[in-house]
């Protein structure tokens, strides 16, 4: 989890530990590790996180996962081209952002590196830049959607 997205207003953001707990409650798969690494290493930028992880755990093959809403603004991220050059990317469709995301500057710039959805399993072995747009089964979950109307986090 990020301490706060630099492109969003973080003034009304819940505390990091509260958001981490909410994420743990949703992520019921033991292969998912909820981490607050960016707070530990002192960054809010994905590129810094990726560089840190690649230095610390060489030999591990990472895939960056982002929602289509982030692909739509990826061209505004710090060093977005380096992110794409460092790790393969899986983009999860988040309607109604699909068309906006695929027409965005970053998606267009990286279009020749896009793999067909049925080859998503190859991402871990793909040489970056490589990305796939996943439009399969979806849950309409977001950090906003996980909150109760009063702003508190939902629990099971």
Protein backbone atom coordinates (compact mmCIF):
# COMPACT_ATOMS: atom_id res chain seq x y z
CA UNK A 1 0.00 0.00 0.00
CA UNK A 2 1.19 3.47 -0.74
CA UNK A 3 1.43 6.15 1.95
CA UNK A 4 -0.45 8.33 -0.55
CA UNK A 5 -0.78 8.62 -4.30
CA UNK A 6 1.09 11.78 -5.42
CA UNK A 7 -1.58 12.39 -8.08
CA UNK A 8 -4.49 12.34 -5.64
CA UNK A 9 -5.66 14.44 -2.71
CA UNK A 10 -4.56 12.49 0.36
CA UNK A 11 -6.16 14.82 2.88
CA UNK A 12 -9.09 12.50 3.54
CA UNK A 13 -7.08 9.29 3.30
CA UNK A 14 -7.45 6.78 6.12
CA UNK A 15 -4.32 5.81 8.06
CA UNK A 16 -1.91 3.37 6.45
CA UNK A 17 -2.35 0.67 9.10
CA UNK A 18 -6.14 0.89 8.79
CA UNK A 19 -5.93 0.59 4.99
CA UNK A 20 -3.48 -2.33 5.31
CA UNK A 21 -5.87 -4.18 7.61
CA UNK A 22 -8.76 -3.61 5.21
CA UNK A 23 -6.65 -4.95 2.34
CA UNK A 24 -5.71 -8.05 4.37
CA UNK A 25 -9.40 -8.74 4.99
CA UNK A 26 -10.12 -8.63 1.27
CA UNK A 27 -7.00 -10.55 0.12
CA UNK A 28 -7.79 -14.03 1.37
CA UNK A 29 -5.20 -15.81 -0.78
CA UNK A 30 -2.05 -16.85 1.13
CA UNK A 31 0.04 -15.92 -1.93
CA UNK A 32 -0.89 -12.26 -1.46
CA UNK A 33 1.34 -10.33 0.90
CA UNK A 34 0.06 -6.92 1.94
CA UNK A 35 3.02 -4.62 2.42
CA UNK A 36 3.60 -1.02 3.45
CA UNK A 37 7.08 -1.08 1.90
CA UNK A 38 6.83 2.40 0.41
CA UNK A 39 6.38 3.89 3.88
CA UNK A 40 9.39 1.91 5.10
CA UNK A 41 11.69 3.00 2.26
CA UNK A 42 10.35 6.55 2.30
CA UNK A 43 8.74 6.94 -1.10
CA UNK A 44 5.36 7.35 -2.77
CA UNK A 45 6.65 6.62 -6.26
CA UNK A 46 6.28 3.26 -7.98
CA UNK A 47 9.56 3.63 -9.84
CA UNK A 48 11.46 3.92 -6.53
CA UNK A 49 9.67 0.87 -5.16
CA UNK A 50 10.50 -1.22 -8.22
CA UNK A 51 14.16 -0.17 -8.19
CA UNK A 52 14.37 -0.97 -4.47
CA UNK A 53 12.78 -4.41 -4.89
CA UNK A 54 14.90 -5.36 -7.89
CA UNK A 55 18.08 -4.50 -5.97
CA UNK A 56 17.01 -6.29 -2.78
CA UNK A 57 15.61 -9.49 -4.26
CA UNK A 58 17.44 -10.12 -7.50
CA UNK A 59 16.27 -13.14 -9.41
CA UNK A 60 12.62 -12.66 -8.47
CA UNK A 61 10.36 -12.00 -11.44
CA UNK A 62 7.86 -9.27 -10.68
CA UNK A 63 4.72 -8.26 -12.53
CA UNK A 64 3.31 -4.83 -11.75
CA UNK A 65 -0.49 -4.95 -11.40
CA UNK A 66 -2.56 -1.81 -11.89
CA UNK A 67 -6.16 -0.94 -12.64
CA UNK A 68 -7.25 0.54 -15.95
CA UNK A 69 -7.95 3.81 -14.12
CA UNK A 70 -4.20 4.04 -13.42
CA UNK A 71 -3.26 3.17 -17.00
CA UNK A 72 -5.38 6.14 -18.08
CA UNK A 73 -3.04 8.46 -16.17
CA UNK A 74 0.14 6.36 -16.28
CA UNK A 75 1.82 8.94 -18.53
CA UNK A 76 1.66 11.34 -15.55
CA UNK A 77 3.56 8.99 -13.21
CA UNK A 78 7.17 9.73 -12.29
CA UNK A 79 9.44 7.86 -14.76
CA UNK A 80 6.58 5.81 -16.21
CA UNK A 81 8.69 4.70 -19.16
CA UNK A 82 11.31 3.30 -16.78
CA UNK A 83 8.61 1.40 -14.88
CA UNK A 84 7.53 -0.21 -18.16
CA UNK A 85 11.15 -0.99 -19.00
CA UNK A 86 11.79 -2.60 -15.60
CA UNK A 87 8.79 -4.91 -15.08
CA UNK A 88 5.99 -6.46 -17.11
CA UNK A 89 2.60 -4.94 -16.34
CA UNK A 90 -0.83 -6.51 -15.93
CA UNK A 91 -3.67 -4.01 -16.30
CA UNK A 92 -6.99 -5.00 -14.74
CA UNK A 93 -10.00 -3.64 -16.59
CA UNK A 94 -12.07 -1.30 -14.41
CA UNK A 95 -15.12 -0.19 -16.34
CA UNK A 96 -15.97 2.47 -17.28
CA UNK A 97 -12.25 3.33 -17.67
CA UNK A 98 -11.51 0.73 -20.38
CA UNK A 99 -11.64 2.88 -23.50
CA UNK A 100 -10.08 5.92 -21.83
CA UNK A 101 -7.23 3.75 -20.52
CA UNK A 102 -6.49 2.06 -23.84
CA UNK A 103 -6.55 5.42 -25.66
CA UNK A 104 -4.26 7.10 -23.12
CA UNK A 105 -0.76 8.28 -24.09
CA UNK A 106 1.10 5.53 -22.20
CA UNK A 107 -1.05 2.73 -23.64
CA UNK A 108 -0.52 4.12 -27.12
CA UNK A 109 3.24 4.50 -26.59
CA UNK A 110 3.48 0.91 -25.32
CA UNK A 111 0.96 -0.60 -27.76
CA UNK A 112 3.52 -2.65 -29.68
CA UNK A 113 4.51 -4.40 -26.43
CA UNK A 114 0.97 -5.46 -25.54
CA UNK A 115 0.41 -9.20 -25.30
CA UNK A 116 -2.95 -10.82 -26.06
CA UNK A 117 -4.99 -11.50 -22.93
CA UNK A 118 -4.72 -15.26 -23.43
CA UNK A 119 -0.94 -14.93 -23.01
CA UNK A 120 -1.12 -13.24 -19.60
CA UNK A 121 0.50 -16.29 -18.03
CA UNK A 122 3.68 -15.46 -19.96
CA UNK A 123 4.15 -12.11 -18.22
CA UNK A 124 6.46 -13.49 -15.53
CA UNK A 125 8.83 -14.67 -18.24
CA UNK A 126 8.35 -11.73 -20.60
CA UNK A 127 11.17 -9.29 -21.19
CA UNK A 128 9.93 -5.78 -20.38
CA UNK A 129 8.42 -3.75 -21.76
CA UNK A 130 5.49 -6.15 -21.92
CA UNK A 131 1.92 -5.72 -20.76
CA UNK A 132 -1.50 -7.27 -20.95
CA UNK A 133 -4.98 -5.85 -20.51
CA UNK A 134 -7.11 -8.28 -18.49
CA UNK A 135 -10.81 -7.96 -19.17
CA UNK A 136 -12.03 -11.22 -17.62
CA UNK A 137 -14.19 -11.67 -14.54
CA UNK A 138 -14.18 -8.63 -12.31
CA UNK A 139 -15.25 -7.47 -8.91
CA UNK A 140 -16.14 -3.82 -8.72
CA UNK A 141 -13.88 -3.19 -5.72
CA UNK A 142 -11.85 -0.10 -5.06
CA UNK A 143 -10.55 1.49 -1.90
CA UNK A 144 -13.52 3.86 -2.06
CA UNK A 145 -15.92 0.98 -2.61
CA UNK A 146 -14.58 -0.92 0.37
CA UNK A 147 -15.54 1.88 2.75
CA UNK A 148 -18.85 2.22 4.54
CA UNK A 149 -20.92 5.31 3.69
CA UNK A 150 -19.59 6.97 6.86
CA UNK A 151 -16.01 6.56 5.62
CA UNK A 152 -15.08 3.71 7.97
CA UNK A 153 -13.79 0.41 6.58
CA UNK A 154 -16.08 -2.53 6.03
CA UNK A 155 -15.30 -5.68 7.92
CA UNK A 156 -16.41 -9.24 7.27
